C-alpha atoms as a PDB file:
ATOM      1  CA  MET A   1      -9.010 -39.902   8.231  1.00  0.00           C
ATOM      2  CA  THR A   2     -11.170 -42.312   6.013  1.00  0.00           C
ATOM      3  CA  ARG A   3     -13.950 -41.657   4.279  1.00  0.00           C
ATOM      4  CA  GLU A   4     -16.052 -43.719   6.839  1.00  0.00           C
ATOM      5  CA  GLU A   5     -14.545 -41.634   9.791  1.00  0.00           C
ATOM      6  CA  ILE A   6     -15.135 -38.639   8.136  1.00  0.00           C
ATOM      7  CA  TYR A   7     -18.731 -39.108   7.349  1.00  0.00           C
ATOM      8  CA  ARG A   8     -19.311 -39.839  11.271  1.00  0.00           C
ATOM      9  CA  GLU A   9     -17.702 -36.624  11.951  1.00  0.00           C
ATOM     10  CA  ILE A  10     -19.837 -35.168   9.481  1.00  0.00           C
ATOM     11  CA  GLU A  11     -23.162 -37.156  10.869  1.00  0.00           C
ATOM     12  CA  ASP A  12     -22.312 -36.331  14.645  1.00  0.00           C
ATOM     13  CA  THR A  13     -21.852 -32.429  13.611  1.00  0.00           C
ATOM     14  CA  MET A  14     -24.827 -31.929  10.942  1.00  0.00           C
ATOM     15  CA  GLY A  15     -27.239 -34.935  11.765  1.00  0.00           C
ATOM     16  CA  MET A  16     -26.562 -36.531   8.404  1.00  0.00           C
ATOM     17  CA  VAL A  17     -24.200 -36.581   5.522  1.00  0.00           C
ATOM     18  CA  PRO A  18     -25.230 -34.315   2.850  1.00  0.00           C
ATOM     19  CA  THR A  19     -25.406 -35.797  -0.685  1.00  0.00           C
ATOM     20  CA  LEU A  20     -22.993 -33.278  -1.699  1.00  0.00           C
ATOM     21  CA  PHE A  21     -19.966 -34.555   0.237  1.00  0.00           C
ATOM     22  CA  LYS A  22     -20.530 -37.831  -1.186  1.00  0.00           C
ATOM     23  CA  TYR A  23     -19.541 -36.438  -4.673  1.00  0.00           C
ATOM     24  CA  VAL A  24     -16.208 -35.118  -3.215  1.00  0.00           C
ATOM     25  CA  PRO A  25     -13.065 -37.396  -4.108  1.00  0.00           C
ATOM     26  CA  ASP A  26     -11.633 -39.109  -1.408  1.00  0.00           C
ATOM     27  CA  GLN A  27      -8.325 -37.128  -1.774  1.00  0.00           C
ATOM     28  CA  TYR A  28     -10.248 -33.933  -1.009  1.00  0.00           C
ATOM     29  CA  LEU A  29     -13.035 -34.966   0.985  1.00  0.00           C
ATOM     30  CA  GLU A  30     -11.445 -34.493   4.743  1.00  0.00           C
ATOM     31  CA  GLN A  31     -10.036 -30.904   3.517  1.00  0.00           C
ATOM     32  CA  GLU A  32     -13.334 -30.082   2.405  1.00  0.00           C
ATOM     33  CA  TRP A  33     -14.934 -31.259   5.558  1.00  0.00           C
ATOM     34  CA  ASN A  34     -12.467 -29.441   7.627  1.00  0.00           C
ATOM     35  CA  SER A  35     -13.219 -25.943   5.906  1.00  0.00           C
ATOM     36  CA  TRP A  36     -16.951 -26.456   6.201  1.00  0.00           C
ATOM     37  CA  LYS A  37     -16.915 -27.447   9.774  1.00  0.00           C
ATOM     38  CA  ASN A  38     -14.562 -24.582  10.721  1.00  0.00           C
ATOM     39  CA  SER A  39     -16.851 -21.911   8.546  1.00  0.00           C
ATOM     40  CA  MET A  40     -19.681 -23.161  10.521  1.00  0.00           C
ATOM     41  CA  THR A  41     -18.208 -23.666  13.795  1.00  0.00           C
ATOM     42  CA  ALA A  42     -14.994 -21.432  14.557  1.00  0.00           C
ATOM     43  CA  GLU A  43     -14.649 -18.264  16.114  1.00  0.00           C
ATOM     44  CA  LYS A  44     -14.342 -15.663  13.658  1.00  0.00           C
ATOM     45  CA  ALA A  45     -13.957 -11.730  13.045  1.00  0.00           C
ATOM     46  CA  ILE A  46     -17.300 -11.544  10.962  1.00  0.00           C
ATOM     47  CA  PRO A  47     -20.163 -13.197  13.091  1.00  0.00           C
ATOM     48  CA  ASN A  48     -22.043 -16.008  11.191  1.00  0.00           C
ATOM     49  CA  LYS A  49     -25.422 -14.239  10.701  1.00  0.00           C
ATOM     50  CA  TRP A  50     -23.434 -11.752   8.896  1.00  0.00           C
ATOM     51  CA  GLN A  51     -21.618 -14.275   6.895  1.00  0.00           C
ATOM     52  CA  ALA A  52     -24.773 -16.070   6.012  1.00  0.00           C
ATOM     53  CA  LEU A  53     -26.238 -12.353   4.876  1.00  0.00           C
ATOM     54  CA  ILE A  54     -23.233 -11.748   2.874  1.00  0.00           C
ATOM     55  CA  GLY A  55     -23.314 -14.998   1.233  1.00  0.00           C
ATOM     56  CA  LEU A  56     -26.847 -14.815   0.370  1.00  0.00           C
ATOM     57  CA  GLY A  57     -26.379 -11.481  -1.349  1.00  0.00           C
ATOM     58  CA  MET A  58     -23.435 -12.975  -3.321  1.00  0.00           C
ATOM     59  CA  GLN A  59     -25.288 -16.203  -3.924  1.00  0.00           C
ATOM     60  CA  ALA A  60     -28.455 -13.778  -5.332  1.00  0.00           C
ATOM     61  CA  ALA A  61     -26.113 -11.802  -7.269  1.00  0.00           C
ATOM     62  CA  VAL A  62     -24.864 -15.247  -9.294  1.00  0.00           C
ATOM     63  CA  SER A  63     -28.410 -16.502  -9.372  1.00  0.00           C
ATOM     64  CA  ASP A  64     -27.514 -20.018  -7.632  1.00  0.00           C
ATOM     65  CA  LYS A  65     -30.592 -21.285  -6.097  1.00  0.00           C
ATOM     66  CA  TYR A  66     -28.339 -23.834  -4.215  1.00  0.00           C
ATOM     67  CA  GLY A  67     -26.647 -21.288  -2.204  1.00  0.00           C
ATOM     68  CA  ILE A  68     -29.495 -18.690  -1.967  1.00  0.00           C
ATOM     69  CA  PHE A  69     -31.489 -21.368   0.137  1.00  0.00           C
ATOM     70  CA  TRP A  70     -28.215 -22.557   2.117  1.00  0.00           C
ATOM     71  CA  CYS A  71     -27.456 -18.756   3.126  1.00  0.00           C
ATOM     72  CA  ALA A  72     -30.955 -17.977   3.517  1.00  0.00           C
ATOM     73  CA  GLN A  73     -31.598 -21.090   6.101  1.00  0.00           C
ATOM     74  CA  ALA A  74     -27.884 -20.227   7.778  1.00  0.00           C
ATOM     75  CA  ALA A  75     -28.850 -16.652   8.157  1.00  0.00           C
ATOM     76  CA  ARG A  76     -32.331 -17.527   9.931  1.00  0.00           C
ATOM     77  CA  MET A  77     -30.537 -19.923  12.052  1.00  0.00           C
ATOM     78  CA  SER A  78     -28.066 -17.367  13.060  1.00  0.00           C
ATOM     79  CA  GLY A  79     -30.687 -14.669  14.056  1.00  0.00           C
ATOM     80  CA  ALA A  80     -31.319 -13.096  10.676  1.00  0.00           C
ATOM     81  CA  THR A  81     -34.584 -11.463  10.509  1.00  0.00           C
ATOM     82  CA  GLU A  82     -37.143 -11.723   7.479  1.00  0.00           C
ATOM     83  CA  GLU A  83     -36.258  -8.050   7.172  1.00  0.00           C
ATOM     84  CA  GLU A  84     -32.623  -8.305   7.089  1.00  0.00           C
ATOM     85  CA  ILE A  85     -32.775 -10.850   4.265  1.00  0.00           C
ATOM     86  CA  ARG A  86     -35.098  -8.525   2.016  1.00  0.00           C
ATOM     87  CA  GLU A  87     -32.409  -5.778   2.845  1.00  0.00           C
ATOM     88  CA  VAL A  88     -29.679  -8.024   1.521  1.00  0.00           C
ATOM     89  CA  ALA A  89     -31.816  -9.038  -1.327  1.00  0.00           C
ATOM     90  CA  TYR A  90     -32.582  -5.455  -2.364  1.00  0.00           C
ATOM     91  CA  MET A  91     -28.765  -4.595  -1.520  1.00  0.00           C
ATOM     92  CA  ALA A  92     -27.838  -7.555  -4.181  1.00  0.00           C
ATOM     93  CA  ARG A  93     -30.534  -5.881  -6.628  1.00  0.00           C
ATOM     94  CA  MET A  94     -28.816  -2.452  -6.260  1.00  0.00           C
ATOM     95  CA  ASP A  95     -25.358  -3.439  -6.670  1.00  0.00           C
ATOM     96  CA  MET A  96     -25.944  -5.612  -9.463  1.00  0.00           C
ATOM     97  CA  GLY A  97     -27.833  -2.843 -11.438  1.00  0.00           C
ATOM     98  CA  TRP A  98     -25.241  -0.201 -10.869  1.00  0.00           C
ATOM     99  CA  GLY A  99     -22.257  -2.251 -12.199  1.00  0.00           C
ATOM    100  CA  PRO A 100     -23.966  -2.953 -15.786  1.00  0.00           C
ATOM    101  CA  TYR A 101     -25.062   0.490 -15.682  1.00  0.00           C
ATOM    102  CA  VAL A 102     -21.662   2.114 -15.541  1.00  0.00           C
ATOM    103  CA  ARG A 103     -19.736  -0.438 -17.754  1.00  0.00           C
ATOM    104  CA  ALA A 104     -22.445  -0.093 -20.462  1.00  0.00           C
ATOM    105  CA  ASN A 105     -21.458   3.832 -20.184  1.00  0.00           C
ATOM    106  CA  GLN A 106     -17.803   3.127 -20.292  1.00  0.00           C
ATOM    107  CA  MET A 107     -17.547   5.386 -17.256  1.00  0.00           C
ATOM    108  CA  ASP A 108     -13.531   5.851 -16.384  1.00  0.00           C
ATOM    109  CA  PHE A 109     -12.585   3.899 -13.614  1.00  0.00           C
ATOM    110  CA  GLU A 110     -10.066   6.326 -12.337  1.00  0.00           C
ATOM    111  CA  GLU A 111     -12.779   9.375 -12.249  1.00  0.00           C
ATOM    112  CA  PHE A 112     -15.024   6.897 -10.580  1.00  0.00           C
ATOM    113  CA  LYS A 113     -12.317   6.098  -7.988  1.00  0.00           C
ATOM    114  CA  ARG A 114     -11.716   9.993  -7.556  1.00  0.00           C
ATOM    115  CA  GLU A 115     -15.653  10.416  -7.084  1.00  0.00           C
ATOM    116  CA  VAL A 116     -16.127   7.598  -4.571  1.00  0.00           C
ATOM    117  CA  THR A 117     -13.192   8.769  -2.233  1.00  0.00           C
ATOM    118  CA  GLN A 118     -14.329  12.401  -2.640  1.00  0.00           C
ATOM    119  CA  ILE A 119     -18.210  11.146  -1.727  1.00  0.00           C
ATOM    120  CA  MET A 120     -16.760   9.090   1.204  1.00  0.00           C
ATOM    121  CA  GLU A 121     -14.470  11.920   2.565  1.00  0.00           C
ATOM    122  CA  HIS A 122     -17.592  14.346   2.651  1.00  0.00           C
ATOM    123  CA  MET A 123     -19.970  11.934   4.060  1.00  0.00           C
ATOM    124  CA  LYS A 124     -17.458  11.044   6.683  1.00  0.00           C
ATOM    125  CA  SER A 125     -17.031  14.371   7.893  1.00  0.00           C
ATOM    126  CA  GLN A 126     -20.657  15.118   8.240  1.00  0.00           C
ATOM    127  CA  GLY A 127     -21.172  12.039  10.508  1.00  0.00           C
ATOM    128  CA  LYS A 128     -23.169  10.449   7.796  1.00  0.00           C
ATOM    129  CA  PHE A 129     -21.360   6.791   8.184  1.00  0.00           C
ATOM    130  CA  GLU A 130     -23.041   4.456  10.301  1.00  0.00           C
ATOM    131  CA  ALA A 131     -19.538   3.045  11.498  1.00  0.00           C
ATOM    132  CA  GLU A 132     -19.644   3.629  15.205  1.00  0.00           C
ATOM    133  CA  ARG A 133     -23.328   2.125  15.072  1.00  0.00           C
ATOM    134  CA  ILE A 134     -21.879  -1.036  13.332  1.00  0.00           C
ATOM    135  CA  ARG A 135     -18.981  -1.611  15.241  1.00  0.00           C
ATOM    136  CA  GLU A 136     -21.561  -1.575  18.508  1.00  0.00           C
ATOM    137  CA  LYS A 137     -23.748  -4.296  16.964  1.00  0.00           C
ATOM    138  CA  VAL A 138     -20.755  -6.433  16.078  1.00  0.00           C
ATOM    139  CA  SER A 139     -19.585  -5.980  19.762  1.00  0.00           C
ATOM    140  CA  MET A 140     -22.911  -7.236  21.090  1.00  0.00           C
END
């Protein structure tokens, strides 16, 4: 496809051609557009709302204001509540906080893996995992 044809398809899908696509070199434009289009419209194992919330947490962790804005808007458009967005922000803070803590204390990774495995097995045996509730939400 030519750049003009790709731009027409982008505009038909998104209502405009975002400036960021104008920076993509010709030889990569069709590939990049197809990747974006599929991520936004294709049927996937992880629902769009969850993907956007995961992306939001990741973008927050790396402090990417562009990604944060995009993913927050995509999450809202996909039905995420403000409470879910706040929870993702909190989880990003939690996850980013513990990593430096265990690394700075030079915790042995093999010991960490053993402990996590033991904790997960215990919690699962106690019925403290939300796996069934999560599966029910995904199938809705």
